[in-house]
PDB file of N, CA and C in Angstrom:
ATOM      1  N   MET A   1     -24.036  16.094  13.972  1.00  0.00           N
ATOM      2  CA  MET A   1     -22.554  15.935  13.501  1.00  0.00           C
ATOM      3  C   MET A   1     -22.712  15.750  11.942  1.00  0.00           C
ATOM      4  N   CYS A   2     -21.687  16.270  11.369  1.00  0.00           N
ATOM      5  CA  CYS A   2     -21.735  16.217   9.821  1.00  0.00           C
ATOM      6  C   CYS A   2     -21.538  14.752   9.341  1.00  0.00           C
ATOM      7  N   GLU A   3     -22.391  14.377   8.358  1.00  0.00           N
ATOM      8  CA  GLU A   3     -22.387  13.037   7.865  1.00  0.00           C
ATOM      9  C   GLU A   3     -21.076  12.746   7.073  1.00  0.00           C
ATOM     10  N   ILE A   4     -20.495  13.795   6.534  1.00  0.00           N
ATOM     11  CA  ILE A   4     -19.159  13.620   5.784  1.00  0.00           C
ATOM     12  C   ILE A   4     -18.054  12.982   6.734  1.00  0.00           C
ATOM     13  N   PHE A   5     -18.135  13.199   8.016  1.00  0.00           N
ATOM     14  CA  PHE A   5     -17.196  12.601   8.923  1.00  0.00           C
ATOM     15  C   PHE A   5     -17.826  11.407   9.580  1.00  0.00           C
ATOM     16  N   ALA A   6     -19.004  11.461  10.126  1.00  0.00           N
ATOM     17  CA  ALA A   6     -19.612  10.407  10.915  1.00  0.00           C
ATOM     18  C   ALA A   6     -20.071   9.290  10.025  1.00  0.00           C
ATOM     19  N   GLY A   7     -20.421   9.597   8.732  1.00  0.00           N
ATOM     20  CA  GLY A   7     -20.823   8.534   7.814  1.00  0.00           C
ATOM     21  C   GLY A   7     -19.749   7.802   7.111  1.00  0.00           C
ATOM     22  N   GLN A   8     -18.502   7.901   7.509  1.00  0.00           N
ATOM     23  CA  GLN A   8     -17.485   7.092   6.804  1.00  0.00           C
ATOM     24  C   GLN A   8     -17.688   5.586   6.879  1.00  0.00           C
ATOM     25  N   ASN A   9     -17.150   4.927   5.889  1.00  0.00           N
ATOM     26  CA  ASN A   9     -17.161   3.555   5.795  1.00  0.00           C
ATOM     27  C   ASN A   9     -16.280   2.940   6.879  1.00  0.00           C
ATOM     28  N   PRO A  10     -16.711   2.186   7.809  1.00  0.00           N
ATOM     29  CA  PRO A  10     -15.785   1.647   8.912  1.00  0.00           C
ATOM     30  C   PRO A  10     -14.539   0.958   8.235  1.00  0.00           C
ATOM     31  N   ALA A  11     -14.702   0.332   7.179  1.00  0.00           N
ATOM     32  CA  ALA A  11     -13.525  -0.228   6.497  1.00  0.00           C
ATOM     33  C   ALA A  11     -12.379   0.635   6.186  1.00  0.00           C
ATOM     34  N   ASP A  12     -12.717   1.906   5.913  1.00  0.00           N
ATOM     35  CA  ASP A  12     -11.679   2.970   5.627  1.00  0.00           C
ATOM     36  C   ASP A  12     -10.770   3.256   6.833  1.00  0.00           C
ATOM     37  N   TYR A  13     -11.422   3.116   8.063  1.00  0.00           N
ATOM     38  CA  TYR A  13     -10.507   3.437   9.188  1.00  0.00           C
ATOM     39  C   TYR A  13     -10.091   2.241   9.968  1.00  0.00           C
ATOM     40  N   ALA A  14     -10.365   1.112   9.498  1.00  0.00           N
ATOM     41  CA  ALA A  14      -9.883  -0.235  10.066  1.00  0.00           C
ATOM     42  C   ALA A  14      -8.496  -0.153   9.968  1.00  0.00           C
ATOM     43  N   GLY A  15      -7.773  -0.649  11.032  1.00  0.00           N
ATOM     44  CA  GLY A  15      -6.288  -0.797  11.067  1.00  0.00           C
ATOM     45  C   GLY A  15      -5.843  -1.957  10.188  1.00  0.00           C
ATOM     46  N   VAL A  16      -4.877  -1.677   9.421  1.00  0.00           N
ATOM     47  CA  VAL A  16      -4.173  -2.696   8.488  1.00  0.00           C
ATOM     48  C   VAL A  16      -2.711  -2.751   8.831  1.00  0.00           C
ATOM     49  N   THR A  17      -2.242  -3.878   9.072  1.00  0.00           N
ATOM     50  CA  THR A  17      -0.798  -4.035   9.359  1.00  0.00           C
ATOM     51  C   THR A  17      -0.104  -4.674   8.092  1.00  0.00           C
ATOM     52  N   ARG A  18       1.003  -4.081   7.721  1.00  0.00           N
ATOM     53  CA  ARG A  18       1.729  -4.568   6.541  1.00  0.00           C
ATOM     54  C   ARG A  18       3.146  -4.822   7.079  1.00  0.00           C
ATOM     55  N   SER A  19       3.734  -5.938   6.633  1.00  0.00           N
ATOM     56  CA  SER A  19       5.123  -6.283   6.918  1.00  0.00           C
ATOM     57  C   SER A  19       6.000  -5.599   5.859  1.00  0.00           C
ATOM     58  N   VAL A  20       7.026  -4.948   6.325  1.00  0.00           N
ATOM     59  CA  VAL A  20       7.915  -4.301   5.364  1.00  0.00           C
ATOM     60  C   VAL A  20       9.373  -4.495   5.754  1.00  0.00           C
ATOM     61  N   ARG A  21      10.193  -4.165   4.870  1.00  0.00           N
ATOM     62  CA  ARG A  21      11.659  -4.212   5.223  1.00  0.00           C
ATOM     63  C   ARG A  21      12.228  -2.803   5.149  1.00  0.00           C
ATOM     64  N   LEU A  22      12.785  -2.238   6.313  1.00  0.00           N
ATOM     65  CA  LEU A  22      13.304  -0.916   6.367  1.00  0.00           C
ATOM     66  C   LEU A  22      14.754  -1.068   6.849  1.00  0.00           C
ATOM     67  N   ASN A  23      15.610  -0.381   6.100  1.00  0.00           N
ATOM     68  CA  ASN A  23      17.010  -0.380   6.420  1.00  0.00           C
ATOM     69  C   ASN A  23      17.573  -1.806   6.796  1.00  0.00           C
ATOM     70  N   GLY A  24      17.011  -2.756   5.990  1.00  0.00           N
ATOM     71  CA  GLY A  24      17.488  -4.101   6.029  1.00  0.00           C
ATOM     72  C   GLY A  24      16.774  -4.950   7.078  1.00  0.00           C
ATOM     73  N   LEU A  25      15.943  -4.350   7.857  1.00  0.00           N
ATOM     74  CA  LEU A  25      15.221  -5.050   8.989  1.00  0.00           C
ATOM     75  C   LEU A  25      13.796  -5.308   8.777  1.00  0.00           C
ATOM     76  N   SER A  26      13.189  -6.430   8.960  1.00  0.00           N
ATOM     77  CA  SER A  26      11.727  -6.756   8.772  1.00  0.00           C
ATOM     78  C   SER A  26      11.019  -6.146   9.967  1.00  0.00           C
ATOM     79  N   THR A  27       9.919  -5.361   9.675  1.00  0.00           N
ATOM     80  CA  THR A  27       9.078  -4.814  10.644  1.00  0.00           C
ATOM     81  C   THR A  27       7.668  -4.767  10.156  1.00  0.00           C
ATOM     82  N   SER A  28       6.781  -4.365  11.053  1.00  0.00           N
ATOM     83  CA  SER A  28       5.378  -4.211  10.698  1.00  0.00           C
ATOM     84  C   SER A  28       4.918  -2.790  10.905  1.00  0.00           C
ATOM     85  N   LEU A  29       4.060  -2.252   9.986  1.00  0.00           N
ATOM     86  CA  LEU A  29       3.541  -1.081  10.081  1.00  0.00           C
ATOM     87  C   LEU A  29       2.035  -1.073  10.095  1.00  0.00           C
ATOM     88  N   ARG A  30       1.533  -0.342  10.969  1.00  0.00           N
ATOM     89  CA  ARG A  30       0.009  -0.336  11.057  1.00  0.00           C
ATOM     90  C   ARG A  30      -0.594   1.049  10.688  1.00  0.00           C
ATOM     91  N   LEU A  31      -1.328   1.141   9.720  1.00  0.00           N
ATOM     92  CA  LEU A  31      -1.932   2.317   9.353  1.00  0.00           C
ATOM     93  C   LEU A  31      -3.469   2.002   9.074  1.00  0.00           C
ATOM     94  N   GLU A  32      -4.465   3.045   9.030  1.00  0.00           N
ATOM     95  CA  GLU A  32      -5.708   2.812   8.608  1.00  0.00           C
ATOM     96  C   GLU A  32      -5.731   2.611   7.058  1.00  0.00           C
ATOM     97  N   ALA A  33      -6.712   1.824   6.699  1.00  0.00           N
ATOM     98  CA  ALA A  33      -6.750   1.295   5.249  1.00  0.00           C
ATOM     99  C   ALA A  33      -6.770   2.457   4.406  1.00  0.00           C
ATOM    100  N   ARG A  34      -7.448   3.543   4.741  1.00  0.00           N
ATOM    101  CA  ARG A  34      -7.440   4.777   3.804  1.00  0.00           C
ATOM    102  C   ARG A  34      -6.033   5.323   3.614  1.00  0.00           C
ATOM    103  N   TYR A  35      -5.265   5.291   4.681  1.00  0.00           N
ATOM    104  CA  TYR A  35      -3.939   5.814   4.547  1.00  0.00           C
ATOM    105  C   TYR A  35      -3.120   4.943   3.703  1.00  0.00           C
ATOM    106  N   TRP A  36      -3.251   3.612   3.760  1.00  0.00           N
ATOM    107  CA  TRP A  36      -2.531   2.708   2.908  1.00  0.00           C
ATOM    108  C   TRP A  36      -2.761   2.856   1.508  1.00  0.00           C
ATOM    109  N   ARG A  37      -4.103   3.237   1.141  1.00  0.00           N
ATOM    110  CA  ARG A  37      -4.351   3.507  -0.195  1.00  0.00           C
ATOM    111  C   ARG A  37      -3.751   4.708  -0.662  1.00  0.00           C
ATOM    112  N   MET A  38      -3.645   5.708   0.184  1.00  0.00           N
ATOM    113  CA  MET A  38      -2.980   6.893  -0.267  1.00  0.00           C
ATOM    114  C   MET A  38      -1.396   6.703  -0.358  1.00  0.00           C
ATOM    115  N   VAL A  39      -0.820   6.014   0.582  1.00  0.00           N
ATOM    116  CA  VAL A  39       0.593   5.591   0.571  1.00  0.00           C
ATOM    117  C   VAL A  39       0.882   4.970  -0.842  1.00  0.00           C
ATOM    118  N   ASP A  40       0.034   4.015  -1.260  1.00  0.00           N
ATOM    119  CA  ASP A  40       0.213   3.266  -2.536  1.00  0.00           C
ATOM    120  C   ASP A  40       0.133   4.295  -3.632  1.00  0.00           C
ATOM    121  N   GLU A  41      -0.766   5.286  -3.637  1.00  0.00           N
ATOM    122  CA  GLU A  41      -0.963   6.214  -4.565  1.00  0.00           C
ATOM    123  C   GLU A  41       0.402   7.056  -4.720  1.00  0.00           C
ATOM    124  N   ILE A  42       0.854   7.555  -3.583  1.00  0.00           N
ATOM    125  CA  ILE A  42       2.098   8.287  -3.537  1.00  0.00           C
ATOM    126  C   ILE A  42       3.337   7.533  -4.168  1.00  0.00           C
ATOM    127  N   ALA A  43       3.384   6.276  -3.770  1.00  0.00           N
ATOM    128  CA  ALA A  43       4.449   5.447  -4.262  1.00  0.00           C
ATOM    129  C   ALA A  43       4.320   5.350  -5.805  1.00  0.00           C
ATOM    130  N   GLN A  44       3.159   5.167  -6.385  1.00  0.00           N
ATOM    131  CA  GLN A  44       2.884   5.048  -7.760  1.00  0.00           C
ATOM    132  C   GLN A  44       3.255   6.512  -8.459  1.00  0.00           C
ATOM    133  N   SER A  45       2.949   7.516  -7.896  1.00  0.00           N
ATOM    134  CA  SER A  45       3.245   8.869  -8.440  1.00  0.00           C
ATOM    135  C   SER A  45       4.758   9.025  -8.447  1.00  0.00           C
ATOM    136  N   GLN A  46       5.487   8.275  -7.625  1.00  0.00           N
ATOM    137  CA  GLN A  46       6.908   8.432  -7.546  1.00  0.00           C
ATOM    138  C   GLN A  46       7.578   7.366  -8.449  1.00  0.00           C
ATOM    139  N   GLY A  47       6.812   6.612  -9.215  1.00  0.00           N
ATOM    140  CA  GLY A  47       7.305   5.552 -10.059  1.00  0.00           C
ATOM    141  C   GLY A  47       7.874   4.282  -9.324  1.00  0.00           C
ATOM    142  N   MET A  48       7.349   4.063  -8.095  1.00  0.00           N
ATOM    143  CA  MET A  48       7.935   2.965  -7.328  1.00  0.00           C
ATOM    144  C   MET A  48       6.800   2.126  -6.841  1.00  0.00           C
ATOM    145  N   ALA A  49       7.226   0.879  -6.524  1.00  0.00           N
ATOM    146  CA  ALA A  49       6.286   0.008  -5.793  1.00  0.00           C
ATOM    147  C   ALA A  49       6.211   0.470  -4.369  1.00  0.00           C
ATOM    148  N   THR A  50       5.218   0.203  -3.667  1.00  0.00           N
ATOM    149  CA  THR A  50       5.027   0.686  -2.154  1.00  0.00           C
ATOM    150  C   THR A  50       6.284   0.199  -1.406  1.00  0.00           C
ATOM    151  N   PRO A  51       6.569  -0.990  -1.369  1.00  0.00           N
ATOM    152  CA  PRO A  51       7.909  -1.459  -0.491  1.00  0.00           C
ATOM    153  C   PRO A  51       9.077  -0.551  -0.828  1.00  0.00           C
ATOM    154  N   LYS A  52       9.328  -0.410  -2.099  1.00  0.00           N
ATOM    155  CA  LYS A  52      10.495   0.438  -2.411  1.00  0.00           C
ATOM    156  C   LYS A  52      10.347   1.858  -2.013  1.00  0.00           C
ATOM    157  N   PHE A  53       9.152   2.382  -2.143  1.00  0.00           N
ATOM    158  CA  PHE A  53       8.938   3.752  -1.764  1.00  0.00           C
ATOM    159  C   PHE A  53       9.177   3.905  -0.213  1.00  0.00           C
ATOM    160  N   LEU A  54       8.640   2.962   0.526  1.00  0.00           N
ATOM    161  CA  LEU A  54       8.757   3.033   1.986  1.00  0.00           C
ATOM    162  C   LEU A  54      10.220   2.897   2.469  1.00  0.00           C
ATOM    163  N   SER A  55      10.951   2.010   1.784  1.00  0.00           N
ATOM    164  CA  SER A  55      12.379   1.817   2.072  1.00  0.00           C
ATOM    165  C   SER A  55      13.210   3.139   1.731  1.00  0.00           C
ATOM    166  N   THR A  56      12.954   3.683   0.575  1.00  0.00           N
ATOM    167  CA  THR A  56      13.595   4.855   0.095  1.00  0.00           C
ATOM    168  C   THR A  56      13.367   6.095   1.045  1.00  0.00           C
ATOM    169  N   LEU A  57      11.976   6.241   1.422  1.00  0.00           N
ATOM    170  CA  LEU A  57      11.675   7.364   2.359  1.00  0.00           C
ATOM    171  C   LEU A  57      12.315   7.199   3.764  1.00  0.00           C
ATOM    172  N   TYR A  58      12.209   5.895   4.249  1.00  0.00           N
ATOM    173  CA  TYR A  58      12.899   5.689   5.543  1.00  0.00           C
ATOM    174  C   TYR A  58      14.405   6.000   5.385  1.00  0.00           C
ATOM    175  N   ASP A  59      15.009   5.580   4.409  1.00  0.00           N
ATOM    176  CA  ASP A  59      16.524   5.902   4.184  1.00  0.00           C
ATOM    177  C   ASP A  59      16.799   7.373   4.180  1.00  0.00           C
ATOM    178  N   GLU A  60      15.849   8.149   3.463  1.00  0.00           N
ATOM    179  CA  GLU A  60      16.032   9.559   3.253  1.00  0.00           C
ATOM    180  C   GLU A  60      15.911  10.229   4.630  1.00  0.00           C
ATOM    181  N   VAL A  61      14.797   9.778   5.356  1.00  0.00           N
ATOM    182  CA  VAL A  61      14.669  10.499   6.661  1.00  0.00           C
ATOM    183  C   VAL A  61      15.853  10.210   7.651  1.00  0.00           C
ATOM    184  N   LEU A  62      16.278   9.037   7.510  1.00  0.00           N
ATOM    185  CA  LEU A  62      17.440   8.543   8.397  1.00  0.00           C
ATOM    186  C   LEU A  62      18.628   9.493   8.073  1.00  0.00           C
ATOM    187  N   GLU A  63      18.812   9.600   6.709  1.00  0.00           N
ATOM    188  CA  GLU A  63      19.989  10.474   6.341  1.00  0.00           C
ATOM    189  C   GLU A  63      19.822  11.954   6.850  1.00  0.00           C
ATOM    190  N   LEU A  64      18.634  12.429   6.660  1.00  0.00           N
ATOM    191  CA  LEU A  64      18.374  13.896   6.916  1.00  0.00           C
ATOM    192  C   LEU A  64      18.376  14.176   8.500  1.00  0.00           C
ATOM    193  N   HIS A  65      17.876  13.224   9.247  1.00  0.00           N
ATOM    194  CA  HIS A  65      17.566  13.462  10.677  1.00  0.00           C
ATOM    195  C   HIS A  65      18.428  12.633  11.597  1.00  0.00           C
ATOM    196  N   GLY A  66      19.021  11.614  11.079  1.00  0.00           N
ATOM    197  CA  GLY A  66      19.870  10.667  11.877  1.00  0.00           C
ATOM    198  C   GLY A  66      19.023   9.592  12.533  1.00  0.00           C
ATOM    199  N   GLU A  67      17.814   9.751  12.561  1.00  0.00           N
ATOM    200  CA  GLU A  67      16.842   8.719  13.116  1.00  0.00           C
ATOM    201  C   GLU A  67      15.419   8.876  12.545  1.00  0.00           C
ATOM    202  N   VAL A  68      14.700   7.788  12.701  1.00  0.00           N
ATOM    203  CA  VAL A  68      13.235   7.926  12.216  1.00  0.00           C
ATOM    204  C   VAL A  68      12.534   7.595  13.499  1.00  0.00           C
ATOM    205  N   ARG A  69      11.904   8.571  14.119  1.00  0.00           N
ATOM    206  CA  ARG A  69      11.260   8.385  15.486  1.00  0.00           C
ATOM    207  C   ARG A  69       9.932   7.639  15.350  1.00  0.00           C
ATOM    208  N   ASN A  70       9.083   7.939  14.529  1.00  0.00           N
ATOM    209  CA  ASN A  70       7.775   7.379  14.417  1.00  0.00           C
ATOM    210  C   ASN A  70       7.392   7.347  12.908  1.00  0.00           C
ATOM    211  N   PHE A  71       7.741   6.112  12.247  1.00  0.00           N
ATOM    212  CA  PHE A  71       7.463   6.055  10.843  1.00  0.00           C
ATOM    213  C   PHE A  71       6.082   6.246  10.436  1.00  0.00           C
ATOM    214  N   ALA A  72       5.212   5.465  11.179  1.00  0.00           N
ATOM    215  CA  ALA A  72       3.846   5.381  10.875  1.00  0.00           C
ATOM    216  C   ALA A  72       3.219   6.813  10.909  1.00  0.00           C
ATOM    217  N   SER A  73       3.591   7.634  11.927  1.00  0.00           N
ATOM    218  CA  SER A  73       3.109   8.989  11.889  1.00  0.00           C
ATOM    219  C   SER A  73       3.706   9.840  10.820  1.00  0.00           C
ATOM    220  N   LEU A  74       4.968   9.588  10.492  1.00  0.00           N
ATOM    221  CA  LEU A  74       5.595  10.317   9.311  1.00  0.00           C
ATOM    222  C   LEU A  74       4.713   9.940   8.017  1.00  0.00           C
ATOM    223  N   LEU A  75       4.331   8.710   7.850  1.00  0.00           N
ATOM    224  CA  LEU A  75       3.562   8.300   6.619  1.00  0.00           C
ATOM    225  C   LEU A  75       2.194   9.063   6.698  1.00  0.00           C
ATOM    226  N   ARG A  76       1.567   9.133   7.823  1.00  0.00           N
ATOM    227  CA  ARG A  76       0.254   9.830   7.891  1.00  0.00           C
ATOM    228  C   ARG A  76       0.430  11.226   7.551  1.00  0.00           C
ATOM    229  N   THR A  77       1.399  12.017   8.090  1.00  0.00           N
ATOM    230  CA  THR A  77       1.651  13.351   7.600  1.00  0.00           C
ATOM    231  C   THR A  77       2.084  13.473   6.226  1.00  0.00           C
ATOM    232  N   ALA A  78       2.817  12.527   5.655  1.00  0.00           N
ATOM    233  CA  ALA A  78       3.264  12.584   4.252  1.00  0.00           C
ATOM    234  C   ALA A  78       1.914  12.538   3.421  1.00  0.00           C
ATOM    235  N   CYS A  79       0.939  11.836   3.850  1.00  0.00           N
ATOM    236  CA  CYS A  79      -0.360  11.736   3.152  1.00  0.00           C
ATOM    237  C   CYS A  79      -1.032  13.152   3.117  1.00  0.00           C
ATOM    238  N   LEU A  80      -0.935  13.877   4.235  1.00  0.00           N
ATOM    239  CA  LEU A  80      -1.471  15.213   4.280  1.00  0.00           C
ATOM    240  C   LEU A  80      -0.634  16.203   3.432  1.00  0.00           C
ATOM    241  N   VAL A  81       0.563  15.999   3.395  1.00  0.00           N
ATOM    242  CA  VAL A  81       1.417  16.873   2.592  1.00  0.00           C
ATOM    243  C   VAL A  81       1.067  16.622   1.073  1.00  0.00           C
ATOM    244  N   HIS A  82       0.912  15.412   0.786  1.00  0.00           N
ATOM    245  CA  HIS A  82       0.487  14.917  -0.659  1.00  0.00           C
ATOM    246  C   HIS A  82      -0.931  15.606  -1.007  1.00  0.00           C
ATOM    247  N   ILE A  83      -1.844  15.574  -0.050  1.00  0.00           N
ATOM    248  CA  ILE A  83      -3.090  16.133  -0.369  1.00  0.00           C
ATOM    249  C   ILE A  83      -2.898  17.690  -0.457  1.00  0.00           C
ATOM    250  N   GLU A  84      -2.257  18.377   0.411  1.00  0.00           N
ATOM    251  CA  GLU A  84      -2.014  19.766   0.268  1.00  0.00           C
ATOM    252  C   GLU A  84      -1.379  20.141  -0.993  1.00  0.00           C
ATOM    253  N   SER A  85      -0.381  19.361  -1.435  1.00  0.00           N
ATOM    254  CA  SER A  85       0.326  19.517  -2.699  1.00  0.00           C
ATOM    255  C   SER A  85      -0.563  19.572  -3.854  1.00  0.00           C
ATOM    256  N   LYS A  86      -1.499  18.564  -3.830  1.00  0.00           N
ATOM    257  CA  LYS A  86      -2.437  18.402  -4.967  1.00  0.00           C
ATOM    258  C   LYS A  86      -3.461  19.591  -4.925  1.00  0.00           C
ATOM    259  N   ILE A  87      -3.748  20.145  -3.824  1.00  0.00           N
ATOM    260  CA  ILE A  87      -4.704  21.316  -3.690  1.00  0.00           C
ATOM    261  C   ILE A  87      -4.027  22.493  -4.277  1.00  0.00           C
ATOM    262  N   LYS A  88      -2.791  22.632  -3.834  1.00  0.00           N
ATOM    263  CA  LYS A  88      -2.007  23.883  -4.214  1.00  0.00           C
ATOM    264  C   LYS A  88      -1.563  23.883  -5.736  1.00  0.00           C
ATOM    265  N   HIS A  89      -1.369  22.636  -6.176  1.00  0.00           N
ATOM    266  CA  HIS A  89      -0.932  22.462  -7.615  1.00  0.00           C
ATOM    267  C   HIS A  89      -1.691  21.392  -8.327  1.00  0.00           C
ATOM    268  N   PRO A  90      -3.040  21.747  -8.631  1.00  0.00           N
ATOM    269  CA  PRO A  90      -3.766  20.697  -9.262  1.00  0.00           C
ATOM    270  C   PRO A  90      -3.365  20.349 -10.663  1.00  0.00           C
ATOM    271  N   GLU A  91      -3.566  19.069 -10.942  1.00  0.00           N
ATOM    272  CA  GLU A  91      -3.099  18.596 -12.393  1.00  0.00           C
ATOM    273  C   GLU A  91      -3.956  19.237 -13.449  1.00  0.00           C
ATOM    274  N   PRO A  92      -3.509  19.677 -14.540  1.00  0.00           N
ATOM    275  CA  PRO A  92      -4.265  20.231 -15.586  1.00  0.00           C
ATOM    276  C   PRO A  92      -5.247  19.183 -16.089  1.00  0.00           C
ATOM    277  N   ALA A  93      -6.486  19.720 -16.474  1.00  0.00           N
ATOM    278  CA  ALA A  93      -7.559  18.813 -16.893  1.00  0.00           C
ATOM    279  C   ALA A  93      -7.299  18.358 -18.386  1.00  0.00           C
TER     280      ALA A  93
END
């Protein structure tokens, strides 16, 4: 097996739970530590603190789709979209 996958630091895929306020309600979100780091990076790139970013994203999804079915999964796929965007549109050196 390729070491790039099998050799990951276990701390990177450890589950981390954060308490957040979404649509006025307190809830908990559980993501792997590596995803949380990327969510923090995305929030910063949007000029927001992570809690504000999460709340804004939740509200926008709610407005677009009428419901938010699985916010943790949405965040994971948002991380993939972020990576794909960086690959397609790299920042100038």
